[in-house]
Amino acid sequence: MVFLSRVTQYMKTPPEEFGTAFQKWYYNLQLYSRYGLYHDDIMLDEEYSPEIQEAVRRLPSDLYDQRTFRLVRACQLEMTKSYLPKEEWITFEADRTKGRYLQPYVDEVLAEWKEREDWERQDH
């Protein structure tokens, strides 16, 4: 029932704002913001992706420390089956501005790998 009321609420949203309204609604369904995590903390898993591993390795020490703190705190909260206080949750807007902090490093790594691949292809 709550789902239907949300849908009807968003149906009243002007078409140009519907995409953002839907993104906010979907963001609130995901729980990682309640643990104080950003998009790139949870969505980009370094365990399975060598480009993510390299991008994390290239992070400046302050960003790396902040990321590590957020991940350790989230693990602790998960073990205690609790969330941060609501005022410490990451907002949709904060996630959109600060939550994609790893993407420039990933793009840089991928560009370097492509350049190296192109260079090796030209030599042979």
PDB file of N, CA and C in Angstrom:
ATOM      1  N   MET A   1       0.815  -1.191   0.000  1.00  0.00           N
ATOM      2  CA  MET A   1       0.000   0.000   0.000  1.00  0.00           C
ATOM      3  C   MET A   1       0.864   1.261   0.000  1.00  0.00           C
ATOM      4  N   VAL A   2       1.928   1.227   0.803  1.00  0.00           N
ATOM      5  CA  VAL A   2       2.830   2.373   0.842  1.00  0.00           C
ATOM      6  C   VAL A   2       3.452   2.593  -0.533  1.00  0.00           C
ATOM      7  N   PHE A   3       3.790   1.474  -1.194  1.00  0.00           N
ATOM      8  CA  PHE A   3       4.377   1.575  -2.522  1.00  0.00           C
ATOM      9  C   PHE A   3       3.433   2.296  -3.475  1.00  0.00           C
ATOM     10  N   LEU A   4       2.163   1.926  -3.476  1.00  0.00           N
ATOM     11  CA  LEU A   4       1.196   2.566  -4.369  1.00  0.00           C
ATOM     12  C   LEU A   4       1.013   4.040  -4.058  1.00  0.00           C
ATOM     13  N   SER A   5       1.027   4.396  -2.785  1.00  0.00           N
ATOM     14  CA  SER A   5       0.887   5.810  -2.447  1.00  0.00           C
ATOM     15  C   SER A   5       2.104   6.599  -2.927  1.00  0.00           C
ATOM     16  N   ARG A   6       3.285   5.988  -2.838  1.00  0.00           N
ATOM     17  CA  ARG A   6       4.494   6.658  -3.352  1.00  0.00           C
ATOM     18  C   ARG A   6       4.416   6.825  -4.861  1.00  0.00           C
ATOM     19  N   VAL A   7       3.965   5.796  -5.545  1.00  0.00           N
ATOM     20  CA  VAL A   7       3.850   5.875  -7.000  1.00  0.00           C
ATOM     21  C   VAL A   7       2.890   6.983  -7.394  1.00  0.00           C
ATOM     22  N   THR A   8       1.732   7.053  -6.748  1.00  0.00           N
ATOM     23  CA  THR A   8       0.777   8.107  -7.092  1.00  0.00           C
ATOM     24  C   THR A   8       1.338   9.480  -6.739  1.00  0.00           C
ATOM     25  N   GLN A   9       2.121   9.558  -5.680  1.00  0.00           N
ATOM     26  CA  GLN A   9       2.757  10.833  -5.332  1.00  0.00           C
ATOM     27  C   GLN A   9       3.715  11.269  -6.439  1.00  0.00           C
ATOM     28  N   TYR A  10       4.519  10.343  -6.961  1.00  0.00           N
ATOM     29  CA  TYR A  10       5.467  10.686  -8.004  1.00  0.00           C
ATOM     30  C   TYR A  10       4.792  10.902  -9.350  1.00  0.00           C
ATOM     31  N   MET A  11       3.610  10.337  -9.529  1.00  0.00           N
ATOM     32  CA  MET A  11       2.883  10.573 -10.768  1.00  0.00           C
ATOM     33  C   MET A  11       2.419  12.029 -10.866  1.00  0.00           C
ATOM     34  N   LYS A  12       2.294  12.707  -9.726  1.00  0.00           N
ATOM     35  CA  LYS A  12       1.915  14.117  -9.720  1.00  0.00           C
ATOM     36  C   LYS A  12       3.104  15.026 -10.020  1.00  0.00           C
ATOM     37  N   THR A  13       4.304  14.454 -10.054  1.00  0.00           N
ATOM     38  CA  THR A  13       5.522  15.218 -10.320  1.00  0.00           C
ATOM     39  C   THR A  13       5.565  15.597 -11.797  1.00  0.00           C
ATOM     40  N   PRO A  14       5.976  16.830 -12.105  1.00  0.00           N
ATOM     41  CA  PRO A  14       6.102  17.214 -13.515  1.00  0.00           C
ATOM     42  C   PRO A  14       7.074  16.293 -14.246  1.00  0.00           C
ATOM     43  N   PRO A  15       6.831  16.044 -15.543  1.00  0.00           N
ATOM     44  CA  PRO A  15       7.663  15.093 -16.293  1.00  0.00           C
ATOM     45  C   PRO A  15       9.158  15.418 -16.266  1.00  0.00           C
ATOM     46  N   GLU A  16       9.527  16.685 -16.289  1.00  0.00           N
ATOM     47  CA  GLU A  16      10.950  17.035 -16.295  1.00  0.00           C
ATOM     48  C   GLU A  16      11.637  16.740 -14.967  1.00  0.00           C
ATOM     49  N   GLU A  17      10.859  16.637 -13.896  1.00  0.00           N
ATOM     50  CA  GLU A  17      11.426  16.337 -12.581  1.00  0.00           C
ATOM     51  C   GLU A  17      11.221  14.885 -12.186  1.00  0.00           C
ATOM     52  N   PHE A  18      10.511  14.115 -13.011  1.00  0.00           N
ATOM     53  CA  PHE A  18      10.190  12.741 -12.641  1.00  0.00           C
ATOM     54  C   PHE A  18      11.432  11.884 -12.495  1.00  0.00           C
ATOM     55  N   GLY A  19      12.411  12.048 -13.392  1.00  0.00           N
ATOM     56  CA  GLY A  19      13.627  11.245 -13.312  1.00  0.00           C
ATOM     57  C   GLY A  19      14.330  11.428 -11.986  1.00  0.00           C
ATOM     58  N   THR A  20      14.490  12.665 -11.547  1.00  0.00           N
ATOM     59  CA  THR A  20      15.144  12.944 -10.277  1.00  0.00           C
ATOM     60  C   THR A  20      14.301  12.443  -9.115  1.00  0.00           C
ATOM     61  N   ALA A  21      13.007  12.606  -9.197  1.00  0.00           N
ATOM     62  CA  ALA A  21      12.127  12.131  -8.127  1.00  0.00           C
ATOM     63  C   ALA A  21      12.210  10.614  -8.003  1.00  0.00           C
ATOM     64  N   PHE A  22      12.236   9.926  -9.123  1.00  0.00           N
ATOM     65  CA  PHE A  22      12.344   8.471  -9.097  1.00  0.00           C
ATOM     66  C   PHE A  22      13.705   8.056  -8.536  1.00  0.00           C
ATOM     67  N   GLN A  23      14.773   8.763  -8.929  1.00  0.00           N
ATOM     68  CA  GLN A  23      16.103   8.444  -8.412  1.00  0.00           C
ATOM     69  C   GLN A  23      16.168   8.632  -6.903  1.00  0.00           C
ATOM     70  N   LYS A  24      15.562   9.690  -6.404  1.00  0.00           N
ATOM     71  CA  LYS A  24      15.525   9.915  -4.954  1.00  0.00           C
ATOM     72  C   LYS A  24      14.749   8.792  -4.265  1.00  0.00           C
ATOM     73  N   TRP A  25      13.627   8.416  -4.825  1.00  0.00           N
ATOM     74  CA  TRP A  25      12.825   7.349  -4.248  1.00  0.00           C
ATOM     75  C   TRP A  25      13.629   6.047  -4.203  1.00  0.00           C
ATOM     76  N   TYR A  26      14.298   5.718  -5.299  1.00  0.00           N
ATOM     77  CA  TYR A  26      15.088   4.492  -5.356  1.00  0.00           C
ATOM     78  C   TYR A  26      16.276   4.564  -4.404  1.00  0.00           C
ATOM     79  N   TYR A  27      16.904   5.734  -4.303  1.00  0.00           N
ATOM     80  CA  TYR A  27      18.022   5.927  -3.386  1.00  0.00           C
ATOM     81  C   TYR A  27      17.584   5.657  -1.951  1.00  0.00           C
ATOM     82  N   ASN A  28      16.397   6.121  -1.595  1.00  0.00           N
ATOM     83  CA  ASN A  28      15.893   5.912  -0.238  1.00  0.00           C
ATOM     84  C   ASN A  28      15.540   4.456   0.037  1.00  0.00           C
ATOM     85  N   LEU A  29      15.279   3.669  -1.006  1.00  0.00           N
ATOM     86  CA  LEU A  29      15.040   2.237  -0.820  1.00  0.00           C
ATOM     87  C   LEU A  29      16.316   1.501  -0.443  1.00  0.00           C
ATOM     88  N   GLN A  30      17.433   1.980  -0.953  1.00  0.00           N
ATOM     89  CA  GLN A  30      18.713   1.358  -0.638  1.00  0.00           C
ATOM     90  C   GLN A  30      19.139   1.804   0.751  1.00  0.00           C
ATOM     91  N   LEU A  31      19.789   0.932   1.471  1.00  0.00           N
ATOM     92  CA  LEU A  31      20.078   1.221   2.867  1.00  0.00           C
ATOM     93  C   LEU A  31      21.493   1.713   3.122  1.00  0.00           C
ATOM     94  N   TYR A  32      22.337   1.772   2.117  1.00  0.00           N
ATOM     95  CA  TYR A  32      23.727   2.113   2.393  1.00  0.00           C
ATOM     96  C   TYR A  32      23.907   3.523   2.942  1.00  0.00           C
ATOM     97  N   SER A  33      22.993   4.426   2.643  1.00  0.00           N
ATOM     98  CA  SER A  33      23.111   5.785   3.183  1.00  0.00           C
ATOM     99  C   SER A  33      22.888   5.799   4.691  1.00  0.00           C
ATOM    100  N   ARG A  34      22.116   4.862   5.187  1.00  0.00           N
ATOM    101  CA  ARG A  34      21.853   4.777   6.631  1.00  0.00           C
ATOM    102  C   ARG A  34      23.083   4.298   7.402  1.00  0.00           C
ATOM    103  N   TYR A  35      23.996   3.669   6.682  1.00  0.00           N
ATOM    104  CA  TYR A  35      25.255   3.240   7.294  1.00  0.00           C
ATOM    105  C   TYR A  35      26.350   4.299   7.127  1.00  0.00           C
ATOM    106  N   GLY A  36      26.034   5.400   6.459  1.00  0.00           N
ATOM    107  CA  GLY A  36      27.016   6.452   6.244  1.00  0.00           C
ATOM    108  C   GLY A  36      27.930   6.182   5.070  1.00  0.00           C
ATOM    109  N   LEU A  37      27.471   5.374   4.126  1.00  0.00           N
ATOM    110  CA  LEU A  37      28.281   5.019   2.971  1.00  0.00           C
ATOM    111  C   LEU A  37      27.862   5.817   1.744  1.00  0.00           C
ATOM    112  N   TYR A  38      28.842   6.103   0.899  1.00  0.00           N
ATOM    113  CA  TYR A  38      28.586   6.735  -0.389  1.00  0.00           C
ATOM    114  C   TYR A  38      28.428   5.660  -1.465  1.00  0.00           C
ATOM    115  N   HIS A  39      27.987   6.090  -2.615  1.00  0.00           N
ATOM    116  CA  HIS A  39      27.788   5.208  -3.764  1.00  0.00           C
ATOM    117  C   HIS A  39      29.058   4.418  -4.076  1.00  0.00           C
ATOM    118  N   ASP A  40      30.184   5.097  -4.187  1.00  0.00           N
ATOM    119  CA  ASP A  40      31.418   4.418  -4.580  1.00  0.00           C
ATOM    120  C   ASP A  40      31.989   3.540  -3.477  1.00  0.00           C
ATOM    121  N   ASP A  41      31.555   3.712  -2.246  1.00  0.00           N
ATOM    122  CA  ASP A  41      31.989   2.816  -1.175  1.00  0.00           C
ATOM    123  C   ASP A  41      31.402   1.426  -1.367  1.00  0.00           C
ATOM    124  N   ILE A  42      30.186   1.375  -1.838  1.00  0.00           N
ATOM    125  CA  ILE A  42      29.459   0.105  -1.872  1.00  0.00           C
ATOM    126  C   ILE A  42      29.303  -0.450  -3.286  1.00  0.00           C
ATOM    127  N   MET A  43      29.144   0.415  -4.267  1.00  0.00           N
ATOM    128  CA  MET A  43      28.847  -0.060  -5.618  1.00  0.00           C
ATOM    129  C   MET A  43      30.090  -0.506  -6.387  1.00  0.00           C
ATOM    130  N   LEU A  44      31.218   0.060  -6.046  1.00  0.00           N
ATOM    131  CA  LEU A  44      32.443  -0.308  -6.747  1.00  0.00           C
ATOM    132  C   LEU A  44      33.253  -1.224  -5.831  1.00  0.00           C
ATOM    133  N   ASP A  45      33.160  -2.509  -6.083  1.00  0.00           N
ATOM    134  CA  ASP A  45      33.782  -3.501  -5.223  1.00  0.00           C
ATOM    135  C   ASP A  45      35.177  -3.821  -5.740  1.00  0.00           C
ATOM    136  N   GLU A  46      36.171  -3.472  -4.953  1.00  0.00           N
ATOM    137  CA  GLU A  46      37.552  -3.659  -5.379  1.00  0.00           C
ATOM    138  C   GLU A  46      37.985  -5.117  -5.370  1.00  0.00           C
ATOM    139  N   GLU A  47      37.242  -5.957  -4.679  1.00  0.00           N
ATOM    140  CA  GLU A  47      37.620  -7.358  -4.574  1.00  0.00           C
ATOM    141  C   GLU A  47      37.577  -8.071  -5.929  1.00  0.00           C
ATOM    142  N   TYR A  48      36.648  -7.685  -6.782  1.00  0.00           N
ATOM    143  CA  TYR A  48      36.444  -8.391  -8.041  1.00  0.00           C
ATOM    144  C   TYR A  48      36.934  -7.639  -9.267  1.00  0.00           C
ATOM    145  N   SER A  49      37.436  -6.455  -9.089  1.00  0.00           N
ATOM    146  CA  SER A  49      37.759  -5.634 -10.238  1.00  0.00           C
ATOM    147  C   SER A  49      39.167  -5.037 -10.109  1.00  0.00           C
ATOM    148  N   PRO A  50      40.075  -5.411 -10.990  1.00  0.00           N
ATOM    149  CA  PRO A  50      41.437  -4.882 -10.878  1.00  0.00           C
ATOM    150  C   PRO A  50      41.519  -3.374 -11.105  1.00  0.00           C
ATOM    151  N   GLU A  51      40.642  -2.816 -11.941  1.00  0.00           N
ATOM    152  CA  GLU A  51      40.687  -1.368 -12.149  1.00  0.00           C
ATOM    153  C   GLU A  51      40.242  -0.614 -10.902  1.00  0.00           C
ATOM    154  N   ILE A  52      39.304  -1.190 -10.145  1.00  0.00           N
ATOM    155  CA  ILE A  52      38.877  -0.565  -8.888  1.00  0.00           C
ATOM    156  C   ILE A  52      39.996  -0.673  -7.860  1.00  0.00           C
ATOM    157  N   GLN A  53      40.665  -1.811  -7.814  1.00  0.00           N
ATOM    158  CA  GLN A  53      41.797  -1.970  -6.901  1.00  0.00           C
ATOM    159  C   GLN A  53      42.855  -0.910  -7.160  1.00  0.00           C
ATOM    160  N   GLU A  54      43.172  -0.700  -8.425  1.00  0.00           N
ATOM    161  CA  GLU A  54      44.189   0.289  -8.778  1.00  0.00           C
ATOM    162  C   GLU A  54      43.713   1.701  -8.460  1.00  0.00           C
ATOM    163  N   ALA A  55      42.443   1.979  -8.707  1.00  0.00           N
ATOM    164  CA  ALA A  55      41.907   3.309  -8.406  1.00  0.00           C
ATOM    165  C   ALA A  55      41.942   3.581  -6.908  1.00  0.00           C
ATOM    166  N   VAL A  56      41.592   2.597  -6.098  1.00  0.00           N
ATOM    167  CA  VAL A  56      41.644   2.762  -4.642  1.00  0.00           C
ATOM    168  C   VAL A  56      43.084   2.973  -4.196  1.00  0.00           C
ATOM    169  N   ARG A  57      44.008   2.250  -4.810  1.00  0.00           N
ATOM    170  CA  ARG A  57      45.425   2.415  -4.474  1.00  0.00           C
ATOM    171  C   ARG A  57      45.906   3.838  -4.766  1.00  0.00           C
ATOM    172  N   ARG A  58      45.341   4.468  -5.791  1.00  0.00           N
ATOM    173  CA  ARG A  58      45.752   5.815  -6.186  1.00  0.00           C
ATOM    174  C   ARG A  58      45.068   6.938  -5.409  1.00  0.00           C
ATOM    175  N   LEU A  59      44.099   6.597  -4.582  1.00  0.00           N
ATOM    176  CA  LEU A  59      43.411   7.634  -3.812  1.00  0.00           C
ATOM    177  C   LEU A  59      44.401   8.384  -2.924  1.00  0.00           C
ATOM    178  N   PRO A  60      44.217   9.686  -2.784  1.00  0.00           N
ATOM    179  CA  PRO A  60      45.024  10.426  -1.795  1.00  0.00           C
ATOM    180  C   PRO A  60      44.765   9.857  -0.399  1.00  0.00           C
ATOM    181  N   SER A  61      45.731   9.980   0.478  1.00  0.00           N
ATOM    182  CA  SER A  61      45.636   9.332   1.786  1.00  0.00           C
ATOM    183  C   SER A  61      44.413   9.787   2.581  1.00  0.00           C
ATOM    184  N   ASP A  62      44.031  11.059   2.481  1.00  0.00           N
ATOM    185  CA  ASP A  62      42.857  11.510   3.238  1.00  0.00           C
ATOM    186  C   ASP A  62      41.572  10.859   2.727  1.00  0.00           C
ATOM    187  N   LEU A  63      41.396  10.746   1.413  1.00  0.00           N
ATOM    188  CA  LEU A  63      40.212  10.075   0.858  1.00  0.00           C
ATOM    189  C   LEU A  63      40.221   8.584   1.187  1.00  0.00           C
ATOM    190  N   TYR A  64      41.401   7.978   1.128  1.00  0.00           N
ATOM    191  CA  TYR A  64      41.509   6.561   1.460  1.00  0.00           C
ATOM    192  C   TYR A  64      41.139   6.311   2.920  1.00  0.00           C
ATOM    193  N   ASP A  65      41.630   7.172   3.816  1.00  0.00           N
ATOM    194  CA  ASP A  65      41.313   7.030   5.242  1.00  0.00           C
ATOM    195  C   ASP A  65      39.822   7.227   5.502  1.00  0.00           C
ATOM    196  N   GLN A  66      39.217   8.197   4.834  1.00  0.00           N
ATOM    197  CA  GLN A  66      37.785   8.428   4.998  1.00  0.00           C
ATOM    198  C   GLN A  66      36.979   7.221   4.512  1.00  0.00           C
ATOM    199  N   ARG A  67      37.384   6.677   3.374  1.00  0.00           N
ATOM    200  CA  ARG A  67      36.706   5.495   2.825  1.00  0.00           C
ATOM    201  C   ARG A  67      36.822   4.328   3.803  1.00  0.00           C
ATOM    202  N   THR A  68      38.014   4.092   4.307  1.00  0.00           N
ATOM    203  CA  THR A  68      38.237   2.989   5.243  1.00  0.00           C
ATOM    204  C   THR A  68      37.402   3.171   6.506  1.00  0.00           C
ATOM    205  N   PHE A  69      37.362   4.396   7.025  1.00  0.00           N
ATOM    206  CA  PHE A  69      36.562   4.673   8.216  1.00  0.00           C
ATOM    207  C   PHE A  69      35.090   4.362   7.967  1.00  0.00           C
ATOM    208  N   ARG A  70      34.563   4.823   6.814  1.00  0.00           N
ATOM    209  CA  ARG A  70      33.148   4.587   6.507  1.00  0.00           C
ATOM    210  C   ARG A  70      32.850   3.088   6.397  1.00  0.00           C
ATOM    211  N   LEU A  71      33.743   2.326   5.759  1.00  0.00           N
ATOM    212  CA  LEU A  71      33.524   0.897   5.581  1.00  0.00           C
ATOM    213  C   LEU A  71      33.599   0.139   6.910  1.00  0.00           C
ATOM    214  N   VAL A  72      34.568   0.493   7.752  1.00  0.00           N
ATOM    215  CA  VAL A  72      34.693  -0.170   9.057  1.00  0.00           C
ATOM    216  C   VAL A  72      33.487   0.160   9.938  1.00  0.00           C
ATOM    217  N   ARG A  73      33.084   1.432   9.936  1.00  0.00           N
ATOM    218  CA  ARG A  73      31.916   1.843  10.725  1.00  0.00           C
ATOM    219  C   ARG A  73      30.659   1.108  10.241  1.00  0.00           C
ATOM    220  N   ALA A  74      30.507   0.972   8.919  1.00  0.00           N
ATOM    221  CA  ALA A  74      29.339   0.271   8.380  1.00  0.00           C
ATOM    222  C   ALA A  74      29.349  -1.197   8.784  1.00  0.00           C
ATOM    223  N   CYS A  75      30.513  -1.818   8.787  1.00  0.00           N
ATOM    224  CA  CYS A  75      30.603  -3.215   9.227  1.00  0.00           C
ATOM    225  C   CYS A  75      30.211  -3.340  10.698  1.00  0.00           C
ATOM    226  N   GLN A  76      30.673  -2.406  11.509  1.00  0.00           N
ATOM    227  CA  GLN A  76      30.323  -2.427  12.929  1.00  0.00           C
ATOM    228  C   GLN A  76      28.816  -2.251  13.127  1.00  0.00           C
ATOM    229  N   LEU A  77      28.231  -1.325  12.389  1.00  0.00           N
ATOM    230  CA  LEU A  77      26.788  -1.106  12.485  1.00  0.00           C
ATOM    231  C   LEU A  77      26.016  -2.337  12.022  1.00  0.00           C
ATOM    232  N   GLU A  78      26.491  -2.984  10.979  1.00  0.00           N
ATOM    233  CA  GLU A  78      25.831  -4.187  10.477  1.00  0.00           C
ATOM    234  C   GLU A  78      25.885  -5.303  11.513  1.00  0.00           C
ATOM    235  N   MET A  79      27.013  -5.435  12.184  1.00  0.00           N
ATOM    236  CA  MET A  79      27.133  -6.488  13.202  1.00  0.00           C
ATOM    237  C   MET A  79      26.211  -6.235  14.391  1.00  0.00           C
ATOM    238  N   THR A  80      26.011  -4.962  14.725  1.00  0.00           N
ATOM    239  CA  THR A  80      25.131  -4.630  15.847  1.00  0.00           C
ATOM    240  C   THR A  80      23.676  -4.465  15.414  1.00  0.00           C
ATOM    241  N   LYS A  81      23.432  -4.681  14.116  1.00  0.00           N
ATOM    242  CA  LYS A  81      22.082  -4.565  13.539  1.00  0.00           C
ATOM    243  C   LYS A  81      21.453  -3.214  13.860  1.00  0.00           C
ATOM    244  N   SER A  82      22.235  -2.161  13.581  1.00  0.00           N
ATOM    245  CA  SER A  82      21.739  -0.805  13.828  1.00  0.00           C
ATOM    246  C   SER A  82      22.164   0.106  12.684  1.00  0.00           C
ATOM    247  N   TYR A  83      21.623   1.310  12.703  1.00  0.00           N
ATOM    248  CA  TYR A  83      21.947   2.342  11.722  1.00  0.00           C
ATOM    249  C   TYR A  83      22.517   3.542  12.451  1.00  0.00           C
ATOM    250  N   LEU A  84      23.092   4.455  11.669  1.00  0.00           N
ATOM    251  CA  LEU A  84      23.512   5.730  12.232  1.00  0.00           C
ATOM    252  C   LEU A  84      22.276   6.533  12.639  1.00  0.00           C
ATOM    253  N   PRO A  85      22.450   7.534  13.500  1.00  0.00           N
ATOM    254  CA  PRO A  85      21.330   8.449  13.749  1.00  0.00           C
ATOM    255  C   PRO A  85      20.928   9.132  12.439  1.00  0.00           C
ATOM    256  N   LYS A  86      19.664   9.427  12.293  1.00  0.00           N
ATOM    257  CA  LYS A  86      19.136   9.954  11.028  1.00  0.00           C
ATOM    258  C   LYS A  86      19.880  11.199  10.537  1.00  0.00           C
ATOM    259  N   GLU A  87      20.336  12.053  11.435  1.00  0.00           N
ATOM    260  CA  GLU A  87      21.047  13.269  11.005  1.00  0.00           C
ATOM    261  C   GLU A  87      22.428  12.966  10.410  1.00  0.00           C
ATOM    262  N   GLU A  88      22.931  11.746  10.580  1.00  0.00           N
ATOM    263  CA  GLU A  88      24.226  11.364  10.009  1.00  0.00           C
ATOM    264  C   GLU A  88      24.085  10.553   8.723  1.00  0.00           C
ATOM    265  N   TRP A  89      22.852  10.255   8.311  1.00  0.00           N
ATOM    266  CA  TRP A  89      22.655   9.540   7.057  1.00  0.00           C
ATOM    267  C   TRP A  89      23.142  10.406   5.908  1.00  0.00           C
ATOM    268  N   ILE A  90      23.630   9.767   4.861  1.00  0.00           N
ATOM    269  CA  ILE A  90      24.062  10.477   3.656  1.00  0.00           C
ATOM    270  C   ILE A  90      22.809  10.831   2.850  1.00  0.00           C
ATOM    271  N   THR A  91      22.658  12.090   2.528  1.00  0.00           N
ATOM    272  CA  THR A  91      21.496  12.517   1.755  1.00  0.00           C
ATOM    273  C   THR A  91      21.704  12.222   0.273  1.00  0.00           C
ATOM    274  N   PHE A  92      20.618  12.225  -0.465  1.00  0.00           N
ATOM    275  CA  PHE A  92      20.677  12.001  -1.909  1.00  0.00           C
ATOM    276  C   PHE A  92      21.583  13.029  -2.569  1.00  0.00           C
ATOM    277  N   GLU A  93      21.434  14.293  -2.179  1.00  0.00           N
ATOM    278  CA  GLU A  93      22.227  15.367  -2.777  1.00  0.00           C
ATOM    279  C   GLU A  93      23.709  15.215  -2.443  1.00  0.00           C
ATOM    280  N   ALA A  94      24.023  14.860  -1.203  1.00  0.00           N
ATOM    281  CA  ALA A  94      25.429  14.665  -0.815  1.00  0.00           C
ATOM    282  C   ALA A  94      26.026  13.481  -1.566  1.00  0.00           C
ATOM    283  N   ASP A  95      25.235  12.441  -1.745  1.00  0.00           N
ATOM    284  CA  ASP A  95      25.726  11.279  -2.478  1.00  0.00           C
ATOM    285  C   ASP A  95      25.995  11.634  -3.938  1.00  0.00           C
ATOM    286  N   ARG A  96      25.149  12.479  -4.515  1.00  0.00           N
ATOM    287  CA  ARG A  96      25.349  12.885  -5.912  1.00  0.00           C
ATOM    288  C   ARG A  96      26.591  13.757  -6.084  1.00  0.00           C
ATOM    289  N   THR A  97      26.921  14.578  -5.078  1.00  0.00           N
ATOM    290  CA  THR A  97      28.073  15.475  -5.217  1.00  0.00           C
ATOM    291  C   THR A  97      29.371  14.839  -4.727  1.00  0.00           C
ATOM    292  N   LYS A  98      29.336  14.152  -3.575  1.00  0.00           N
ATOM    293  CA  LYS A  98      30.563  13.585  -3.004  1.00  0.00           C
ATOM    294  C   LYS A  98      30.680  12.081  -3.186  1.00  0.00           C
ATOM    295  N   GLY A  99      29.610  11.430  -3.519  1.00  0.00           N
ATOM    296  CA  GLY A  99      29.577   9.974  -3.533  1.00  0.00           C
ATOM    297  C   GLY A  99      30.241   9.310  -4.704  1.00  0.00           C
ATOM    298  N   ARG A 100      30.617  10.078  -5.709  1.00  0.00           N
ATOM    299  CA  ARG A 100      31.272   9.509  -6.896  1.00  0.00           C
ATOM    300  C   ARG A 100      32.761   9.883  -6.906  1.00  0.00           C
ATOM    301  N   TYR A 101      33.388   9.852  -5.746  1.00  0.00           N
ATOM    302  CA  TYR A 101      34.760  10.300  -5.584  1.00  0.00           C
ATOM    303  C   TYR A 101      35.779   9.389  -6.274  1.00  0.00           C
ATOM    304  N   LEU A 102      35.451   8.140  -6.493  1.00  0.00           N
ATOM    305  CA  LEU A 102      36.394   7.179  -7.066  1.00  0.00           C
ATOM    306  C   LEU A 102      36.367   7.168  -8.588  1.00  0.00           C
ATOM    307  N   GLN A 103      35.303   7.646  -9.188  1.00  0.00           N
ATOM    308  CA  GLN A 103      35.122   7.551 -10.636  1.00  0.00           C
ATOM    309  C   GLN A 103      36.242   8.215 -11.445  1.00  0.00           C
ATOM    310  N   PRO A 104      36.737   9.412 -11.067  1.00  0.00           N
ATOM    311  CA  PRO A 104      37.837   9.982 -11.852  1.00  0.00           C
ATOM    312  C   PRO A 104      39.090   9.104 -11.869  1.00  0.00           C
ATOM    313  N   TYR A 105      39.352   8.426 -10.772  1.00  0.00           N
ATOM    314  CA  TYR A 105      40.516   7.543 -10.697  1.00  0.00           C
ATOM    315  C   TYR A 105      40.302   6.291 -11.538  1.00  0.00           C
ATOM    316  N   VAL A 106      39.086   5.772 -11.536  1.00  0.00           N
ATOM    317  CA  VAL A 106      38.772   4.616 -12.374  1.00  0.00           C
ATOM    318  C   VAL A 106      38.910   4.985 -13.844  1.00  0.00           C
ATOM    319  N   ASP A 107      38.390   6.140 -14.227  1.00  0.00           N
ATOM    320  CA  ASP A 107      38.505   6.590 -15.619  1.00  0.00           C
ATOM    321  C   ASP A 107      39.963   6.748 -16.022  1.00  0.00           C
ATOM    322  N   GLU A 108      40.769   7.279 -15.122  1.00  0.00           N
ATOM    323  CA  GLU A 108      42.197   7.455 -15.385  1.00  0.00           C
ATOM    324  C   GLU A 108      42.892   6.113 -15.594  1.00  0.00           C
ATOM    325  N   VAL A 109      42.597   5.148 -14.746  1.00  0.00           N
ATOM    326  CA  VAL A 109      43.190   3.816 -14.861  1.00  0.00           C
ATOM    327  C   VAL A 109      42.787   3.167 -16.177  1.00  0.00           C
ATOM    328  N   LEU A 110      41.508   3.221 -16.505  1.00  0.00           N
ATOM    329  CA  LEU A 110      41.032   2.609 -17.750  1.00  0.00           C
ATOM    330  C   LEU A 110      41.644   3.273 -18.977  1.00  0.00           C
ATOM    331  N   ALA A 111      41.785   4.595 -18.933  1.00  0.00           N
ATOM    332  CA  ALA A 111      42.404   5.308 -20.055  1.00  0.00           C
ATOM    333  C   ALA A 111      43.871   4.900 -20.208  1.00  0.00           C
ATOM    334  N   GLU A 112      44.582   4.773 -19.094  1.00  0.00           N
ATOM    335  CA  GLU A 112      45.987   4.349 -19.159  1.00  0.00           C
ATOM    336  C   GLU A 112      46.108   2.935 -19.697  1.00  0.00           C
ATOM    337  N   TRP A 113      45.233   2.038 -19.269  1.00  0.00           N
ATOM    338  CA  TRP A 113      45.277   0.665 -19.747  1.00  0.00           C
ATOM    339  C   TRP A 113      44.965   0.585 -21.235  1.00  0.00           C
ATOM    340  N   LYS A 114      44.024   1.395 -21.669  1.00  0.00           N
ATOM    341  CA  LYS A 114      43.693   1.418 -23.099  1.00  0.00           C
ATOM    342  C   LYS A 114      44.851   1.981 -23.905  1.00  0.00           C
ATOM    343  N   GLU A 115      45.475   3.037 -23.392  1.00  0.00           N
ATOM    344  CA  GLU A 115      46.622   3.623 -24.081  1.00  0.00           C
ATOM    345  C   GLU A 115      47.769   2.615 -24.175  1.00  0.00           C
ATOM    346  N   ARG A 116      48.026   1.882 -23.088  1.00  0.00           N
ATOM    347  CA  ARG A 116      49.083   0.874 -23.093  1.00  0.00           C
ATOM    348  C   ARG A 116      48.755  -0.236 -24.088  1.00  0.00           C
ATOM    349  N   GLU A 117      47.507  -0.646 -24.127  1.00  0.00           N
ATOM    350  CA  GLU A 117      47.074  -1.689 -25.060  1.00  0.00           C
ATOM    351  C   GLU A 117      47.238  -1.218 -26.509  1.00  0.00           C
ATOM    352  N   ASP A 118      46.847   0.015 -26.782  1.00  0.00           N
ATOM    353  CA  ASP A 118      47.014   0.573 -28.128  1.00  0.00           C
ATOM    354  C   ASP A 118      48.494   0.673 -28.498  1.00  0.00           C
ATOM    355  N   TRP A 119      49.309   1.063 -27.546  1.00  0.00           N
ATOM    356  CA  TRP A 119      50.750   1.198 -27.793  1.00  0.00           C
ATOM    357  C   TRP A 119      51.368  -0.172 -28.103  1.00  0.00           C
ATOM    358  N   GLU A 120      50.996  -1.185 -27.356  1.00  0.00           N
ATOM    359  CA  GLU A 120      51.521  -2.521 -27.582  1.00  0.00           C
ATOM    360  C   GLU A 120      51.034  -3.085 -28.916  1.00  0.00           C
ATOM    361  N   ARG A 121      49.823  -2.742 -29.303  1.00  0.00           N
ATOM    362  CA  ARG A 121      49.282  -3.195 -30.579  1.00  0.00           C
ATOM    363  C   ARG A 121      50.037  -2.558 -31.748  1.00  0.00           C
ATOM    364  N   GLN A 122      50.485  -1.318 -31.594  1.00  0.00           N
ATOM    365  CA  GLN A 122      51.214  -0.642 -32.664  1.00  0.00           C
ATOM    366  C   GLN A 122      52.616  -1.206 -32.833  1.00  0.00           C
ATOM    367  N   ASP A 123      53.226  -1.670 -31.752  1.00  0.00           N
ATOM    368  CA  ASP A 123      54.587  -2.196 -31.824  1.00  0.00           C
ATOM    369  C   ASP A 123      54.639  -3.506 -32.588  1.00  0.00           C
ATOM    370  N   HIS A 124      53.584  -4.259 -32.590  1.00  0.00           N
ATOM    371  CA  HIS A 124      53.639  -5.592 -33.192  1.00  0.00           C
ATOM    372  C   HIS A 124      53.060  -5.616 -34.544  1.00  0.00           C
TER     373      HIS A 124
END
